Every structure is written in C-alpha cells, then in structure tokens.
Amino acid sequence: MKKFILFIFSTLFISNICSAEIIREINSFDNSTMLTSVINTKDYVEDIPREIIFKKTCSNSNESKYFISFVNQYTIKNGYSPFEPIKIKFNNSLEDIQSYPIQLYRTAQRGQLAFLVDNIFIDKLEKSDNLQFQIPISTSYVSHVKYIDFTLPQNILDEWKQVIAME
C-alpha cells in the first residue's frame, strides 16, 4: 500500500514539475534528421532524473533509430549502476516488461544513463497509456543494486508519440 501511495504521489507530482520541448535538427554530414524530446524538471526531486531525452534519428534510407537518456546532477545519494539493465513496464502489466542494457557517462557534475530501444519498444510505446521505468542505482556496496521506479508523466508520453510520428 505504501508503494502504491508513493507511486500515485510521484505520478501527480512529476507531471506538474516538468517542462518539455521537441527539437528538430539536420545533420549536414549525412543529411539525417534528428528529432529530440527534451524534458527538464523545474524543481529538484531526489531520485527523479533532472533531464529526460527521447531522440529519433531518421536516415536517408528511411530507417529510424531511437535513444533514451536520463541525466542527473550528482546530488542523488547514489549514481546509476552499470551492473543491471534498465527495465520498462508498459500499461502496468507484469507480463509486458522489457529490459535494455545501459551505457553510463559521467562528468564532474552529472551522471547520464543512455540506451537504444528497438522497434518492439516503439510499437508498444505507441499503444501504451502508461510507461514505467526501473533504473538501477549503485549503493556503497558494489555488488548491491537498488532501484528507482518512476512513471513517465502522460504529457511526456504523448510528446514521445509525437516524435515517433514525425518525419
């Protein structure tokens, strides 16, 4: 029950603290188009990514590639863990969970987790009314991993669907 109340509170709270925009760029080197949804949280909320990026790259061969990234300031207690994949749940269904290996990038002030998603993810996202993430977090013991669970706010999910539909 406690997790459910926390889930509801975080869903309502996160949707009110985000600002988003879609950025369109042309890569002049190969003439590919990049469509990026960038979401920045307005206020600091511990354990919620400060920046969420969903990027689509369209090449001349009409093949699209998709990429998701979470960025945090190093104000969270523990950084992202490279030892487990990120898990994504569609429509709150335990039967519909996918996992993806992650890459970690670190600078002096920021930690970034990034991963590519496949067409199965894109197909499921387009049909989903709800998208939840479980992000692996390091602890003081290297072999022990904890998790941050959060639900992508509906307005951001809708924006990601717009990015998928754009050419």
Protein backbone atom coordinates (compact mmCIF):
# COMPACT_ATOMS: atom_id res chain seq x y z
CA MET A 1 0.00 0.00 0.00
CA LYS A 2 2.85 2.35 0.86
CA LYS A 3 4.41 1.83 -2.60
CA PHE A 4 1.05 2.46 -4.26
CA ILE A 5 0.57 5.76 -2.43
CA LEU A 6 4.15 6.77 -3.27
CA PHE A 7 3.53 5.84 -6.91
CA ILE A 8 0.35 7.96 -7.10
CA PHE A 9 2.01 10.91 -5.36
CA SER A 10 5.07 10.80 -7.61
CA THR A 11 2.95 10.50 -10.75
CA LEU A 12 0.90 13.55 -9.82
CA PHE A 13 3.92 15.50 -8.60
CA ILE A 14 6.19 14.74 -11.56
CA SER A 15 3.61 15.78 -14.11
CA ASN A 16 3.49 19.24 -12.52
CA ILE A 17 7.24 19.86 -12.38
CA CYS A 18 8.28 19.18 -15.96
CA SER A 19 8.77 21.35 -19.00
CA ALA A 20 9.27 19.80 -22.41
CA GLU A 21 10.09 20.71 -25.99
CA ILE A 22 10.72 18.97 -29.31
CA ILE A 23 13.89 20.00 -31.14
CA ARG A 24 14.40 19.29 -34.86
CA GLU A 25 17.94 19.31 -36.29
CA ILE A 26 19.54 18.31 -39.59
CA ASN A 27 22.93 16.62 -39.53
CA SER A 28 24.68 18.16 -42.56
CA PHE A 29 27.31 15.41 -42.60
CA ASP A 30 24.88 12.68 -43.65
CA ASN A 31 21.68 14.72 -44.12
CA SER A 32 19.89 12.76 -41.40
CA THR A 33 17.15 14.34 -39.30
CA MET A 34 17.23 14.26 -35.51
CA LEU A 35 14.04 14.81 -33.52
CA THR A 36 14.59 15.17 -29.80
CA SER A 37 12.16 15.50 -26.91
CA VAL A 38 13.97 17.16 -24.01
CA ILE A 39 12.26 17.29 -20.64
CA ASN A 40 13.74 19.27 -17.76
CA THR A 41 12.36 19.08 -14.25
CA LYS A 42 11.62 22.52 -12.87
CA ASP A 43 12.32 21.67 -9.25
CA TYR A 44 14.72 19.24 -7.68
CA VAL A 45 13.16 15.91 -6.71
CA GLU A 46 15.60 13.36 -5.36
CA ASP A 47 15.99 10.22 -7.47
CA ILE A 48 13.97 11.55 -10.42
CA PRO A 49 16.11 12.30 -13.49
CA ARG A 50 16.72 16.03 -13.91
CA GLU A 51 16.60 15.66 -17.68
CA ILE A 52 14.87 13.03 -19.83
CA ILE A 53 15.77 12.80 -23.51
CA PHE A 54 13.99 10.78 -26.21
CA LYS A 55 15.72 11.02 -29.57
CA LYS A 56 14.79 9.76 -33.02
CA THR A 57 17.30 9.80 -35.87
CA CYS A 58 15.95 9.37 -39.40
CA SER A 59 18.44 8.45 -42.11
CA ASN A 60 18.07 8.74 -45.87
CA SER A 61 17.21 5.03 -46.01
CA ASN A 62 14.02 5.81 -44.00
CA GLU A 63 15.38 3.76 -41.13
CA SER A 64 14.79 5.32 -37.72
CA LYS A 65 16.85 4.74 -34.59
CA TYR A 66 15.65 5.62 -31.09
CA PHE A 67 17.60 6.54 -27.99
CA ILE A 68 16.59 7.38 -24.40
CA SER A 69 18.77 9.14 -21.86
CA PHE A 70 18.37 10.13 -18.20
CA VAL A 71 20.62 12.83 -16.76
CA ASN A 72 21.09 13.64 -13.07
CA GLN A 73 23.13 16.09 -11.09
CA TYR A 74 25.36 14.34 -8.59
CA THR A 75 23.03 15.39 -5.84
CA ILE A 76 21.34 12.00 -5.75
CA LYS A 77 22.61 9.74 -2.99
CA ASN A 78 23.91 7.09 -5.37
CA GLY A 79 24.77 7.10 -9.06
CA TYR A 80 23.37 4.96 -11.83
CA SER A 81 24.56 1.35 -11.78
CA PRO A 82 26.18 -0.32 -14.80
CA PHE A 83 25.55 -3.81 -13.42
CA GLU A 84 21.92 -4.28 -14.38
CA PRO A 85 19.75 -3.24 -17.33
CA ILE A 86 17.00 -0.66 -17.14
CA LYS A 87 13.51 -2.18 -17.05
CA ILE A 88 10.45 -0.69 -18.70
CA LYS A 89 6.87 -1.71 -17.93
CA PHE A 90 4.05 -0.97 -20.37
CA ASN A 91 0.48 -0.33 -19.14
CA ASN A 92 1.26 -1.50 -15.58
CA SER A 93 1.41 -5.08 -16.86
CA LEU A 94 3.77 -7.56 -15.22
CA GLU A 95 3.57 -9.57 -18.43
CA ASP A 96 4.80 -6.64 -20.51
CA ILE A 97 8.24 -5.70 -19.19
CA GLN A 98 11.32 -5.17 -21.36
CA SER A 99 14.91 -4.60 -20.30
CA TYR A 100 17.74 -2.83 -22.10
CA PRO A 101 21.49 -2.71 -21.41
CA ILE A 102 22.70 0.74 -20.48
CA GLN A 103 25.74 2.91 -21.08
CA LEU A 104 26.92 5.29 -18.38
CA TYR A 105 28.59 8.63 -18.95
CA ARG A 106 29.94 10.76 -16.13
CA THR A 107 31.24 14.29 -15.86
CA ALA A 108 32.26 16.27 -12.78
CA GLN A 109 28.68 17.40 -12.07
CA ARG A 110 26.44 14.99 -13.95
CA GLY A 111 25.70 11.34 -14.44
CA GLN A 112 23.99 10.15 -17.60
CA LEU A 113 22.43 6.81 -18.40
CA ALA A 114 21.68 6.08 -22.07
CA PHE A 115 20.26 3.18 -24.05
CA LEU A 116 18.99 2.36 -27.53
CA VAL A 117 15.49 0.98 -27.92
CA ASP A 118 14.25 -1.33 -30.63
CA ASN A 119 11.15 -1.36 -32.83
CA ILE A 120 9.36 -3.65 -30.35
CA PHE A 121 9.66 -0.89 -27.75
CA ILE A 122 8.40 1.71 -30.23
CA ASP A 123 5.38 -0.42 -31.20
CA LYS A 124 4.48 -0.97 -27.54
CA LEU A 125 5.02 2.69 -26.65
CA GLU A 126 2.63 3.82 -29.40
CA LYS A 127 -0.10 1.58 -27.91
CA SER A 128 0.62 2.34 -24.26
CA ASP A 129 -1.30 4.55 -21.89
CA ASN A 130 1.34 4.18 -19.18
CA LEU A 131 5.12 3.76 -19.17
CA GLN A 132 7.12 2.95 -16.03
CA PHE A 133 10.89 2.79 -15.63
CA GLN A 134 13.01 0.94 -13.10
CA ILE A 135 16.50 2.44 -13.04
CA PRO A 136 19.36 0.54 -11.35
CA ILE A 137 21.22 2.60 -8.75
CA SER A 138 24.59 1.83 -7.16
CA THR A 139 24.96 1.62 -3.43
CA SER A 140 28.00 1.77 -1.20
CA TYR A 141 28.45 -1.97 -1.82
CA VAL A 142 29.39 -2.59 -5.44
CA SER A 143 27.54 -5.90 -5.65
CA HIS A 144 24.30 -4.48 -4.24
CA VAL A 145 21.93 -2.57 -6.53
CA LYS A 146 18.78 -0.69 -5.57
CA TYR A 147 16.19 0.77 -7.90
CA ILE A 148 14.36 3.98 -8.66
CA ASP A 149 10.87 3.41 -10.05
CA PHE A 150 9.02 6.21 -11.74
CA THR A 151 6.16 6.67 -14.18
CA LEU A 152 6.61 8.86 -17.21
CA PRO A 153 4.02 11.66 -16.99
CA GLN A 154 1.22 11.41 -19.54
CA ASN A 155 2.11 14.68 -21.28
CA ILE A 156 5.66 13.42 -21.88
CA LEU A 157 4.42 10.04 -23.13
CA ASP A 158 2.17 11.91 -25.57
CA GLU A 159 5.13 14.03 -26.71
CA TRP A 160 7.21 10.90 -27.34
CA LYS A 161 4.40 9.56 -29.51
CA GLN A 162 4.52 12.83 -31.48
CA VAL A 163 8.29 12.39 -32.02
CA ILE A 164 7.71 8.85 -33.33
CA ALA A 165 5.06 10.11 -35.77
CA MET A 166 7.20 13.00 -37.08
CA GLU A 167 9.43 12.65 -40.14
